[in-house]
Amino acid sequence: MTADLSTLGGLENRRRLEDAFAPWRRRVNGHLVFRAALDGLTVGSLVGAGFATAAWLSHHPQWRLGGLAIAAGGAVIGALRGGRRAWSDERVALYVDGVLGTPESVTSAITLGRAAPESVVEEAIAALESPRSARRAPGRVRRFHTLALIGTALCVAALALRVPKPAQAAPLRAPRW
């Protein structure tokens, strides 16, 4: 009967560990998807700005909206790529240990799974539930992402510009001899 009680206590600690770790996993992977979407938006908006400018210069005003469509497509592609490259639980646990300053107790508990000693699981739970556990995720915005704002502004500016008038050639005159 005592073996059953110890097993139940271990299951309860595993459940507490999973409940304490789940917000970290969700937040870290969410931030990474958002950052990848910003990467895609940055590249897409710069390509879209070039496309919209070329459409304006080549007297194809109806194509200028394509610049914003390219920027939006870049953001969607970036988000999809970010979703595929989500961090594994072990990687998130290493990040959490680095943020909390714990000596890889969370990583040990997550990596070892059910084989983790109870003391390691309890240390991990204590670290994850501590008041200093602010659940910080990796930074979302990089300096590179300021180009997304510039590219998007250029796409919108290309829409606001009036269509250039077609060049008018002077009529040919017969030479005077």
Protein backbone atom coordinates (compact mmCIF):
# COMPACT_ATOMS: atom_id res chain seq x y z
CA MET A 1 0.00 0.00 0.00
CA THR A 2 2.89 2.42 0.68
CA ALA A 3 4.26 1.93 -2.84
CA ASP A 4 0.92 3.06 -4.25
CA LEU A 5 0.95 6.21 -2.11
CA SER A 6 4.47 7.13 -3.20
CA THR A 7 3.47 6.63 -6.84
CA LEU A 8 0.50 8.92 -6.37
CA GLY A 9 2.74 11.58 -4.82
CA GLY A 10 5.10 11.31 -7.80
CA LEU A 11 2.22 11.71 -10.23
CA GLU A 12 0.99 14.75 -8.35
CA ASN A 13 4.45 16.36 -8.54
CA ARG A 14 4.71 15.55 -12.26
CA ARG A 15 1.33 17.22 -12.81
CA ARG A 16 2.42 20.27 -10.82
CA LEU A 17 5.64 20.42 -12.83
CA GLU A 18 3.74 20.27 -16.11
CA ASP A 19 1.27 22.93 -14.94
CA ALA A 20 4.13 25.23 -13.89
CA PHE A 21 6.12 24.62 -17.07
CA ALA A 22 3.26 24.94 -19.60
CA PRO A 23 2.99 28.77 -19.45
CA TRP A 24 6.72 29.06 -20.10
CA ARG A 25 6.49 26.73 -23.11
CA ARG A 26 3.49 28.59 -24.53
CA ARG A 27 4.98 32.04 -24.01
CA VAL A 28 8.46 31.24 -25.37
CA ASN A 29 7.13 29.53 -28.49
CA GLY A 30 4.55 32.29 -29.01
CA HIS A 31 7.26 34.93 -28.90
CA LEU A 32 9.37 32.99 -31.37
CA VAL A 33 6.45 32.72 -33.82
CA PHE A 34 5.79 36.45 -33.46
CA ARG A 35 9.46 37.25 -34.05
CA ALA A 36 9.53 35.06 -37.16
CA ALA A 37 6.40 36.83 -38.44
CA LEU A 38 8.15 40.18 -37.93
CA ASP A 39 11.16 38.83 -39.84
CA GLY A 40 8.87 37.84 -42.71
CA LEU A 41 7.08 41.20 -42.60
CA THR A 42 10.41 43.00 -42.75
CA VAL A 43 11.61 41.15 -45.82
CA GLY A 44 8.16 41.26 -47.42
CA SER A 45 7.70 44.98 -46.86
CA LEU A 46 11.09 45.81 -48.37
CA VAL A 47 10.40 43.64 -51.43
CA GLY A 48 6.88 45.07 -51.58
CA ALA A 49 8.20 48.63 -51.42
CA GLY A 50 10.48 47.90 -54.35
CA PHE A 51 7.57 46.34 -56.25
CA ALA A 52 5.24 49.28 -55.55
CA THR A 53 7.90 51.79 -56.55
CA ALA A 54 8.60 49.90 -59.77
CA ALA A 55 4.87 49.78 -60.52
CA TRP A 56 4.58 53.51 -59.98
CA LEU A 57 7.63 54.32 -62.08
CA SER A 58 6.53 52.05 -64.93
CA HIS A 59 3.08 53.67 -65.11
CA HIS A 60 1.19 50.64 -63.77
CA PRO A 61 -0.70 52.23 -60.86
CA GLN A 62 -3.07 49.28 -60.49
CA TRP A 63 -0.14 47.11 -59.38
CA ARG A 64 0.88 49.38 -56.49
CA LEU A 65 -1.39 47.50 -54.07
CA GLY A 66 0.72 44.44 -54.76
CA GLY A 67 3.43 45.89 -52.53
CA LEU A 68 1.22 45.64 -49.46
CA ALA A 69 0.09 42.17 -50.51
CA ILE A 70 3.73 41.06 -50.74
CA ALA A 71 4.39 42.49 -47.25
CA ALA A 72 1.38 40.64 -45.79
CA GLY A 73 2.44 37.45 -47.55
CA GLY A 74 5.89 37.78 -46.04
CA ALA A 75 4.41 38.06 -42.56
CA VAL A 76 2.25 34.96 -43.07
CA ILE A 77 5.17 32.95 -44.44
CA GLY A 78 7.34 34.09 -41.53
CA ALA A 79 4.70 33.04 -38.99
CA LEU A 80 4.35 29.64 -40.62
CA ARG A 81 8.12 29.15 -40.57
CA GLY A 82 8.23 30.23 -36.94
CA GLY A 83 5.51 27.75 -36.02
CA ARG A 84 7.49 24.92 -37.55
CA ARG A 85 10.64 25.88 -35.69
CA ALA A 86 9.17 25.81 -32.18
CA TRP A 87 11.60 24.97 -29.43
CA SER A 88 11.55 21.54 -27.85
CA ASP A 89 10.75 21.20 -24.15
CA GLU A 90 14.43 20.60 -23.39
CA ARG A 91 15.42 23.83 -25.12
CA VAL A 92 12.70 25.81 -23.36
CA ALA A 93 13.83 24.28 -20.05
CA LEU A 94 17.42 25.38 -20.71
CA TYR A 95 16.15 28.89 -21.44
CA VAL A 96 14.07 28.87 -18.24
CA ASP A 97 17.08 27.74 -16.20
CA GLY A 98 19.10 30.57 -17.69
CA VAL A 99 16.43 33.17 -16.93
CA LEU A 100 15.78 31.95 -13.39
CA GLY A 101 19.45 31.28 -12.63
CA THR A 102 18.79 27.74 -11.44
CA PRO A 103 21.49 25.08 -11.83
CA GLU A 104 19.63 23.20 -14.58
CA SER A 105 17.04 21.79 -12.21
CA VAL A 106 14.18 22.47 -14.63
CA THR A 107 16.15 20.98 -17.51
CA SER A 108 16.92 17.85 -15.51
CA ALA A 109 13.31 17.38 -14.45
CA ILE A 110 11.95 17.90 -17.98
CA THR A 111 14.61 15.84 -19.76
CA LEU A 112 14.53 12.88 -17.40
CA GLY A 113 10.73 12.79 -17.35
CA ARG A 114 9.30 10.12 -15.07
CA ALA A 115 12.80 8.87 -14.27
CA ALA A 116 13.66 12.16 -12.55
CA PRO A 117 14.26 11.88 -8.80
CA GLU A 118 11.57 13.49 -6.65
CA SER A 119 14.06 15.99 -5.22
CA VAL A 120 14.89 17.28 -8.72
CA VAL A 121 11.21 17.58 -9.62
CA GLU A 122 10.49 19.45 -6.38
CA GLU A 123 13.40 21.86 -7.01
CA ALA A 124 12.10 22.51 -10.51
CA ILE A 125 8.57 23.14 -9.24
CA ALA A 126 9.91 25.49 -6.56
CA ALA A 127 11.90 27.43 -9.19
CA LEU A 128 8.98 27.66 -11.62
CA GLU A 129 6.49 28.71 -8.95
CA SER A 130 8.80 31.17 -7.19
CA PRO A 131 7.77 34.84 -7.07
CA ARG A 132 10.89 35.84 -9.06
CA SER A 133 9.67 33.64 -11.91
CA ALA A 134 8.51 36.47 -14.18
CA ARG A 135 7.95 34.17 -17.18
CA ARG A 136 10.08 36.30 -19.45
CA ALA A 137 10.21 35.18 -23.04
CA PRO A 138 12.89 35.95 -25.62
CA GLY A 139 12.81 39.45 -27.04
CA ARG A 140 10.34 40.00 -29.83
CA VAL A 141 11.69 42.98 -31.69
CA ARG A 142 15.14 43.36 -33.19
CA ARG A 143 16.73 46.44 -34.73
CA PHE A 144 16.28 44.79 -38.11
CA HIS A 145 12.49 45.05 -37.64
CA THR A 146 12.56 48.84 -37.94
CA LEU A 147 12.97 48.22 -41.65
CA ALA A 148 9.46 46.67 -41.62
CA LEU A 149 8.04 50.02 -40.60
CA ILE A 150 10.04 51.82 -43.27
CA GLY A 151 9.08 49.31 -45.98
CA THR A 152 5.41 49.41 -45.07
CA ALA A 153 5.45 53.22 -45.03
CA LEU A 154 7.00 53.20 -48.50
CA CYS A 155 4.29 50.84 -49.76
CA VAL A 156 1.57 53.13 -48.40
CA ALA A 157 3.35 56.19 -49.79
CA ALA A 158 3.43 54.59 -53.24
CA LEU A 159 -0.35 54.21 -52.99
CA ALA A 160 -0.78 57.85 -52.02
CA LEU A 161 1.30 59.23 -54.90
CA ARG A 162 -0.49 60.45 -57.96
CA VAL A 163 0.05 58.46 -61.08
CA PRO A 164 2.80 60.04 -63.18
CA LYS A 165 1.66 61.46 -66.46
CA PRO A 166 2.87 59.60 -69.51
CA ALA A 167 5.73 61.22 -71.32
CA GLN A 168 4.65 63.26 -74.31
CA ALA A 169 6.94 63.36 -77.25
CA ALA A 170 7.02 66.49 -79.35
CA PRO A 171 5.53 66.01 -82.79
CA LEU A 172 8.03 65.34 -85.50
CA ARG A 173 8.66 68.27 -87.76
CA ALA A 174 10.06 68.15 -91.16
CA PRO A 175 13.52 69.62 -91.32
CA ARG A 176 13.78 73.09 -92.83
CA TRP A 177 16.34 73.34 -95.59
